[in-house]
C-alpha atoms as a PDB file:
ATOM      1  CA  UNK A   1      10.476  14.109  12.532  1.00  0.00           C
ATOM      2  CA  UNK A   2      12.665  15.108  15.463  1.00  0.00           C
ATOM      3  CA  UNK A   3      12.290  12.999  18.582  1.00  0.00           C
ATOM      4  CA  UNK A   4      11.271  15.979  20.680  1.00  0.00           C
ATOM      5  CA  UNK A   5       8.129  16.295  18.538  1.00  0.00           C
ATOM      6  CA  UNK A   6       7.034  12.809  19.477  1.00  0.00           C
ATOM      7  CA  UNK A   7       4.765  12.288  22.422  1.00  0.00           C
ATOM      8  CA  UNK A   8       5.131   9.328  24.772  1.00  0.00           C
ATOM      9  CA  UNK A   9       2.405   6.729  25.008  1.00  0.00           C
ATOM     10  CA  UNK A  10       2.183   3.975  27.520  1.00  0.00           C
ATOM     11  CA  UNK A  11       0.726   0.763  26.179  1.00  0.00           C
ATOM     12  CA  UNK A  12       1.630  -1.498  29.035  1.00  0.00           C
ATOM     13  CA  UNK A  13       5.214  -2.208  30.047  1.00  0.00           C
ATOM     14  CA  UNK A  14       7.616   0.502  28.936  1.00  0.00           C
ATOM     15  CA  UNK A  15       6.968   3.619  26.945  1.00  0.00           C
ATOM     16  CA  UNK A  16       6.957   4.004  23.201  1.00  0.00           C
ATOM     17  CA  UNK A  17       6.581   7.045  21.005  1.00  0.00           C
ATOM     18  CA  UNK A  18       3.817   7.708  18.522  1.00  0.00           C
ATOM     19  CA  UNK A  19       3.148  10.380  15.944  1.00  0.00           C
ATOM     20  CA  UNK A  20      -0.613   9.977  16.207  1.00  0.00           C
ATOM     21  CA  UNK A  21      -1.083  12.675  18.831  1.00  0.00           C
ATOM     22  CA  UNK A  22       0.781  15.120  16.570  1.00  0.00           C
ATOM     23  CA  UNK A  23      -1.812  14.739  13.821  1.00  0.00           C
ATOM     24  CA  UNK A  24      -5.000  16.623  14.715  1.00  0.00           C
ATOM     25  CA  UNK A  25      -6.463  15.802  11.307  1.00  0.00           C
ATOM     26  CA  UNK A  26      -6.704  12.085  12.116  1.00  0.00           C
ATOM     27  CA  UNK A  27     -10.170  10.634  11.486  1.00  0.00           C
ATOM     28  CA  UNK A  28     -12.305   9.897  14.517  1.00  0.00           C
ATOM     29  CA  UNK A  29     -12.244   6.132  13.960  1.00  0.00           C
ATOM     30  CA  UNK A  30      -8.445   6.163  14.251  1.00  0.00           C
ATOM     31  CA  UNK A  31      -8.400   8.403  17.320  1.00  0.00           C
ATOM     32  CA  UNK A  32     -11.003   6.252  19.073  1.00  0.00           C
ATOM     33  CA  UNK A  33      -9.437   2.865  18.416  1.00  0.00           C
ATOM     34  CA  UNK A  34      -8.198   0.882  21.425  1.00  0.00           C
ATOM     35  CA  UNK A  35      -4.496   0.923  22.149  1.00  0.00           C
ATOM     36  CA  UNK A  36      -2.572  -2.037  20.828  1.00  0.00           C
ATOM     37  CA  UNK A  37      -1.462  -4.666  23.283  1.00  0.00           C
ATOM     38  CA  UNK A  38       2.276  -5.154  23.781  1.00  0.00           C
ATOM     39  CA  UNK A  39       3.681  -7.041  20.814  1.00  0.00           C
ATOM     40  CA  UNK A  40       0.609  -6.425  18.641  1.00  0.00           C
ATOM     41  CA  UNK A  41       1.611  -5.246  15.185  1.00  0.00           C
ATOM     42  CA  UNK A  42      -0.375  -2.776  13.048  1.00  0.00           C
ATOM     43  CA  UNK A  43      -2.191  -4.234  10.045  1.00  0.00           C
ATOM     44  CA  UNK A  44      -0.442  -1.736   7.739  1.00  0.00           C
ATOM     45  CA  UNK A  45       1.671   1.424   7.765  1.00  0.00           C
ATOM     46  CA  UNK A  46      -0.119   4.119   5.772  1.00  0.00           C
ATOM     47  CA  UNK A  47       0.115   7.840   5.302  1.00  0.00           C
ATOM     48  CA  UNK A  48      -3.090   9.685   6.088  1.00  0.00           C
ATOM     49  CA  UNK A  49      -3.637  10.283   2.377  1.00  0.00           C
ATOM     50  CA  UNK A  50      -3.216   6.570   1.622  1.00  0.00           C
ATOM     51  CA  UNK A  51      -5.625   5.698   4.437  1.00  0.00           C
ATOM     52  CA  UNK A  52      -8.334   7.956   2.999  1.00  0.00           C
ATOM     53  CA  UNK A  53      -7.693   6.660  -0.524  1.00  0.00           C
ATOM     54  CA  UNK A  54      -7.935   2.992   0.491  1.00  0.00           C
ATOM     55  CA  UNK A  55     -11.017   3.672   2.601  1.00  0.00           C
ATOM     56  CA  UNK A  56     -12.718   5.336  -0.370  1.00  0.00           C
ATOM     57  CA  UNK A  57     -11.773   2.394  -2.598  1.00  0.00           C
ATOM     58  CA  UNK A  58     -13.228  -0.045  -0.070  1.00  0.00           C
ATOM     59  CA  UNK A  59     -16.474   1.902   0.187  1.00  0.00           C
ATOM     60  CA  UNK A  60     -16.726   2.024  -3.621  1.00  0.00           C
ATOM     61  CA  UNK A  61     -16.239  -1.729  -3.936  1.00  0.00           C
ATOM     62  CA  UNK A  62     -18.681  -2.593  -1.153  1.00  0.00           C
ATOM     63  CA  UNK A  63     -21.432  -0.139  -2.070  1.00  0.00           C
ATOM     64  CA  UNK A  64     -21.129   0.076  -5.852  1.00  0.00           C
ATOM     65  CA  UNK A  65     -18.884  -2.770  -6.971  1.00  0.00           C
ATOM     66  CA  UNK A  66     -20.951  -5.502  -5.346  1.00  0.00           C
ATOM     67  CA  UNK A  67     -24.175  -4.121  -6.789  1.00  0.00           C
ATOM     68  CA  UNK A  68     -22.689  -3.985 -10.288  1.00  0.00           C
ATOM     69  CA  UNK A  69     -21.287  -7.477  -9.900  1.00  0.00           C
ATOM     70  CA  UNK A  70     -24.661  -8.792  -8.787  1.00  0.00           C
ATOM     71  CA  UNK A  71     -26.249  -7.281 -11.892  1.00  0.00           C
ATOM     72  CA  UNK A  72     -23.523  -8.751 -14.106  1.00  0.00           C
ATOM     73  CA  UNK A  73     -24.102 -12.219 -12.659  1.00  0.00           C
ATOM     74  CA  UNK A  74     -27.845 -11.851 -13.087  1.00  0.00           C
ATOM     75  CA  UNK A  75     -27.443 -10.967 -16.783  1.00  0.00           C
ATOM     76  CA  UNK A  76     -24.980 -13.819 -17.291  1.00  0.00           C
ATOM     77  CA  UNK A  77     -27.391 -16.329 -15.732  1.00  0.00           C
ATOM     78  CA  UNK A  78     -30.043 -15.331 -18.243  1.00  0.00           C
ATOM     79  CA  UNK A  79     -27.827 -16.572 -21.061  1.00  0.00           C
ATOM     80  CA  UNK A  80     -28.582 -20.202 -20.313  1.00  0.00           C
ATOM     81  CA  UNK A  81     -27.092 -23.165 -18.473  1.00  0.00           C
ATOM     82  CA  UNK A  82     -24.455 -21.814 -16.088  1.00  0.00           C
ATOM     83  CA  UNK A  83     -22.457 -25.052 -16.470  1.00  0.00           C
ATOM     84  CA  UNK A  84     -21.614 -24.069 -20.055  1.00  0.00           C
ATOM     85  CA  UNK A  85     -21.762 -20.316 -19.717  1.00  0.00           C
ATOM     86  CA  UNK A  86     -18.413 -18.586 -20.305  1.00  0.00           C
ATOM     87  CA  UNK A  87     -19.828 -15.163 -19.437  1.00  0.00           C
ATOM     88  CA  UNK A  88     -21.073 -16.465 -16.085  1.00  0.00           C
ATOM     89  CA  UNK A  89     -17.700 -18.091 -15.359  1.00  0.00           C
ATOM     90  CA  UNK A  90     -15.919 -14.818 -16.161  1.00  0.00           C
ATOM     91  CA  UNK A  91     -18.288 -12.900 -13.900  1.00  0.00           C
ATOM     92  CA  UNK A  92     -17.735 -15.365 -11.046  1.00  0.00           C
ATOM     93  CA  UNK A  93     -13.962 -15.031 -11.477  1.00  0.00           C
ATOM     94  CA  UNK A  94     -14.234 -11.235 -11.404  1.00  0.00           C
ATOM     95  CA  UNK A  95     -16.430 -11.457  -8.306  1.00  0.00           C
ATOM     96  CA  UNK A  96     -13.816 -13.608  -6.588  1.00  0.00           C
ATOM     97  CA  UNK A  97     -11.068 -11.099  -7.372  1.00  0.00           C
ATOM     98  CA  UNK A  98     -13.196  -8.220  -6.125  1.00  0.00           C
ATOM     99  CA  UNK A  99     -14.051  -9.980  -2.866  1.00  0.00           C
ATOM    100  CA  UNK A 100     -10.373 -10.799  -2.372  1.00  0.00           C
ATOM    101  CA  UNK A 101      -9.523  -7.116  -2.803  1.00  0.00           C
ATOM    102  CA  UNK A 102     -12.255  -6.171  -0.315  1.00  0.00           C
ATOM    103  CA  UNK A 103     -10.778  -8.583   2.252  1.00  0.00           C
ATOM    104  CA  UNK A 104      -7.266  -7.166   1.739  1.00  0.00           C
ATOM    105  CA  UNK A 105      -8.488  -3.599   2.134  1.00  0.00           C
ATOM    106  CA  UNK A 106     -10.520  -4.418   5.251  1.00  0.00           C
ATOM    107  CA  UNK A 107      -7.503  -6.077   6.835  1.00  0.00           C
ATOM    108  CA  UNK A 108      -5.188  -3.168   6.007  1.00  0.00           C
ATOM    109  CA  UNK A 109      -7.676  -0.636   7.380  1.00  0.00           C
ATOM    110  CA  UNK A 110      -8.552  -2.634  10.496  1.00  0.00           C
ATOM    111  CA  UNK A 111      -5.733  -1.225  12.650  1.00  0.00           C
ATOM    112  CA  UNK A 112      -3.176   0.680  10.578  1.00  0.00           C
ATOM    113  CA  UNK A 113      -0.293   2.748  11.848  1.00  0.00           C
ATOM    114  CA  UNK A 114      -0.788   6.242  10.446  1.00  0.00           C
ATOM    115  CA  UNK A 115       2.591   7.679   9.555  1.00  0.00           C
ATOM    116  CA  UNK A 116       3.690  11.003   8.166  1.00  0.00           C
ATOM    117  CA  UNK A 117       4.723  11.288   4.541  1.00  0.00           C
ATOM    118  CA  UNK A 118       8.507  11.469   4.268  1.00  0.00           C
ATOM    119  CA  UNK A 119      10.188  14.810   3.781  1.00  0.00           C
ATOM    120  CA  UNK A 120      13.084  15.410   1.431  1.00  0.00           C
ATOM    121  CA  UNK A 121      15.920  13.087   2.405  1.00  0.00           C
ATOM    122  CA  UNK A 122      19.273  11.974   1.077  1.00  0.00           C
ATOM    123  CA  UNK A 123      18.292   8.305   1.190  1.00  0.00           C
ATOM    124  CA  UNK A 124      15.292   6.320   0.025  1.00  0.00           C
ATOM    125  CA  UNK A 125      12.621   5.538   2.620  1.00  0.00           C
ATOM    126  CA  UNK A 126       9.120   4.092   2.275  1.00  0.00           C
ATOM    127  CA  UNK A 127       6.406   6.276   0.712  1.00  0.00           C
ATOM    128  CA  UNK A 128       8.775   7.778  -1.808  1.00  0.00           C
ATOM    129  CA  UNK A 129       8.633   7.776  -5.587  1.00  0.00           C
ATOM    130  CA  UNK A 130      11.890   6.227  -6.772  1.00  0.00           C
ATOM    131  CA  UNK A 131      13.139   6.316 -10.364  1.00  0.00           C
ATOM    132  CA  UNK A 132      15.660   3.681 -11.403  1.00  0.00           C
ATOM    133  CA  UNK A 133      17.455   3.017 -14.682  1.00  0.00           C
ATOM    134  CA  UNK A 134      18.065  -0.519 -15.843  1.00  0.00           C
ATOM    135  CA  UNK A 135      21.740  -1.122 -16.543  1.00  0.00           C
ATOM    136  CA  UNK A 136      20.738  -3.747 -19.099  1.00  0.00           C
ATOM    137  CA  UNK A 137      18.586  -1.689 -21.478  1.00  0.00           C
ATOM    138  CA  UNK A 138      18.909   1.881 -20.117  1.00  0.00           C
ATOM    139  CA  UNK A 139      15.127   2.052 -19.570  1.00  0.00           C
ATOM    140  CA  UNK A 140      13.851   4.155 -16.671  1.00  0.00           C
ATOM    141  CA  UNK A 141      10.949   3.169 -14.412  1.00  0.00           C
ATOM    142  CA  UNK A 142       9.382   4.987 -11.469  1.00  0.00           C
ATOM    143  CA  UNK A 143       8.118   3.055  -8.457  1.00  0.00           C
ATOM    144  CA  UNK A 144       6.169   3.934  -5.358  1.00  0.00           C
ATOM    145  CA  UNK A 145       8.033   2.308  -2.486  1.00  0.00           C
ATOM    146  CA  UNK A 146       5.248   1.319  -0.109  1.00  0.00           C
ATOM    147  CA  UNK A 147       4.767  -0.777   2.984  1.00  0.00           C
ATOM    148  CA  UNK A 148       1.435  -2.071   1.733  1.00  0.00           C
ATOM    149  CA  UNK A 149       0.673  -3.429  -1.718  1.00  0.00           C
ATOM    150  CA  UNK A 150      -2.631  -1.571  -1.987  1.00  0.00           C
ATOM    151  CA  UNK A 151      -0.978   1.858  -2.095  1.00  0.00           C
ATOM    152  CA  UNK A 152      -0.969   3.566  -5.495  1.00  0.00           C
ATOM    153  CA  UNK A 153       0.608   6.584  -7.171  1.00  0.00           C
ATOM    154  CA  UNK A 154      -0.290   7.951 -10.617  1.00  0.00           C
ATOM    155  CA  UNK A 155       2.196   6.922 -13.277  1.00  0.00           C
ATOM    156  CA  UNK A 156       4.170   4.634 -10.967  1.00  0.00           C
ATOM    157  CA  UNK A 157       4.227   0.949 -10.206  1.00  0.00           C
ATOM    158  CA  UNK A 158       4.000  -0.066  -6.555  1.00  0.00           C
ATOM    159  CA  UNK A 159       6.739  -2.124  -4.934  1.00  0.00           C
ATOM    160  CA  UNK A 160       6.582  -3.065  -1.288  1.00  0.00           C
ATOM    161  CA  UNK A 161       9.449  -2.914   1.164  1.00  0.00           C
ATOM    162  CA  UNK A 162       9.249  -6.705   1.471  1.00  0.00           C
ATOM    163  CA  UNK A 163       9.705  -7.342  -2.276  1.00  0.00           C
ATOM    164  CA  UNK A 164      13.164  -8.089  -3.730  1.00  0.00           C
ATOM    165  CA  UNK A 165      13.401  -4.634  -5.346  1.00  0.00           C
ATOM    166  CA  UNK A 166      11.873  -2.817  -2.383  1.00  0.00           C
ATOM    167  CA  UNK A 167      14.264  -4.397   0.130  1.00  0.00           C
ATOM    168  CA  UNK A 168      17.264  -3.255  -1.919  1.00  0.00           C
ATOM    169  CA  UNK A 169      15.917   0.262  -2.543  1.00  0.00           C
ATOM    170  CA  UNK A 170      15.469   1.142   1.142  1.00  0.00           C
ATOM    171  CA  UNK A 171      18.426   3.238   2.268  1.00  0.00           C
ATOM    172  CA  UNK A 172      19.908   3.823  -1.183  1.00  0.00           C
ATOM    173  CA  UNK A 173      21.057   7.233  -2.412  1.00  0.00           C
ATOM    174  CA  UNK A 174      21.061   9.028  -5.769  1.00  0.00           C
ATOM    175  CA  UNK A 175      23.334   7.491  -8.427  1.00  0.00           C
ATOM    176  CA  UNK A 176      23.831   4.366  -6.335  1.00  0.00           C
ATOM    177  CA  UNK A 177      23.986   1.096  -8.267  1.00  0.00           C
ATOM    178  CA  UNK A 178      21.990  -1.832  -6.942  1.00  0.00           C
ATOM    179  CA  UNK A 179      21.590  -5.503  -7.744  1.00  0.00           C
ATOM    180  CA  UNK A 180      18.181  -7.105  -7.319  1.00  0.00           C
ATOM    181  CA  UNK A 181      18.078 -10.859  -6.936  1.00  0.00           C
ATOM    182  CA  UNK A 182      14.709 -12.204  -8.015  1.00  0.00           C
ATOM    183  CA  UNK A 183      13.365 -15.611  -9.063  1.00  0.00           C
ATOM    184  CA  UNK A 184      13.942 -14.639 -12.709  1.00  0.00           C
ATOM    185  CA  UNK A 185      17.609 -13.785 -12.124  1.00  0.00           C
ATOM    186  CA  UNK A 186      19.711 -10.826 -11.039  1.00  0.00           C
ATOM    187  CA  UNK A 187      18.978  -7.336 -12.331  1.00  0.00           C
ATOM    188  CA  UNK A 188      21.173  -4.231 -12.077  1.00  0.00           C
ATOM    189  CA  UNK A 189      19.809  -0.711 -11.687  1.00  0.00           C
ATOM    190  CA  UNK A 190      21.017   2.801 -10.990  1.00  0.00           C
ATOM    191  CA  UNK A 191      18.968   4.999  -8.664  1.00  0.00           C
ATOM    192  CA  UNK A 192      18.247   8.083 -10.776  1.00  0.00           C
ATOM    193  CA  UNK A 193      16.330  10.029  -8.162  1.00  0.00           C
ATOM    194  CA  UNK A 194      13.603   9.965  -5.528  1.00  0.00           C
ATOM    195  CA  UNK A 195      11.079  12.278  -3.889  1.00  0.00           C
ATOM    196  CA  UNK A 196       8.384  12.067  -1.211  1.00  0.00           C
ATOM    197  CA  UNK A 197       4.969  11.012  -2.449  1.00  0.00           C
ATOM    198  CA  UNK A 198       2.059  12.955  -1.028  1.00  0.00           C
ATOM    199  CA  UNK A 199      -1.279  12.149  -2.544  1.00  0.00           C
END
């Protein structure tokens, strides 16, 4: 977005620019939130579509997931002594994972920065689908480059901008060769292509 399309906001000392005022479709809860204090970071950077998707997932887990989990635990308890009940243990583990996901979603949605989906560009930026080819086995894989691990795209794996692969992908161009240094070793890829993800 060109700078002239950005509107100034004053959040204390100095002036910064925000895209929020340029988005009339923002939900009321985002428009009504208090301004951040100087130095306060957003809990996530999400496109509007990602915000709605994560909010729907959270509502599903809280309103439906918890009820189903409660029923699953109830059935498992009826199978006998919970100290030697594998089904109950599995249900408790699943409940723990679900509650952890609920906490992550609540934190991400608490005060996110709503950003615009990227437009066509000559370099990779967050919120793009990026296809890379392994130089070891010639296999291709498509990733959603996201700023938050909860973002999803159909048919693509999510990598965050803070991950080893994500850090290297940011700013790359088509046909560029990259080296990703990870705990399991170094891996070489070629950037096959990329496009904005809107969904």
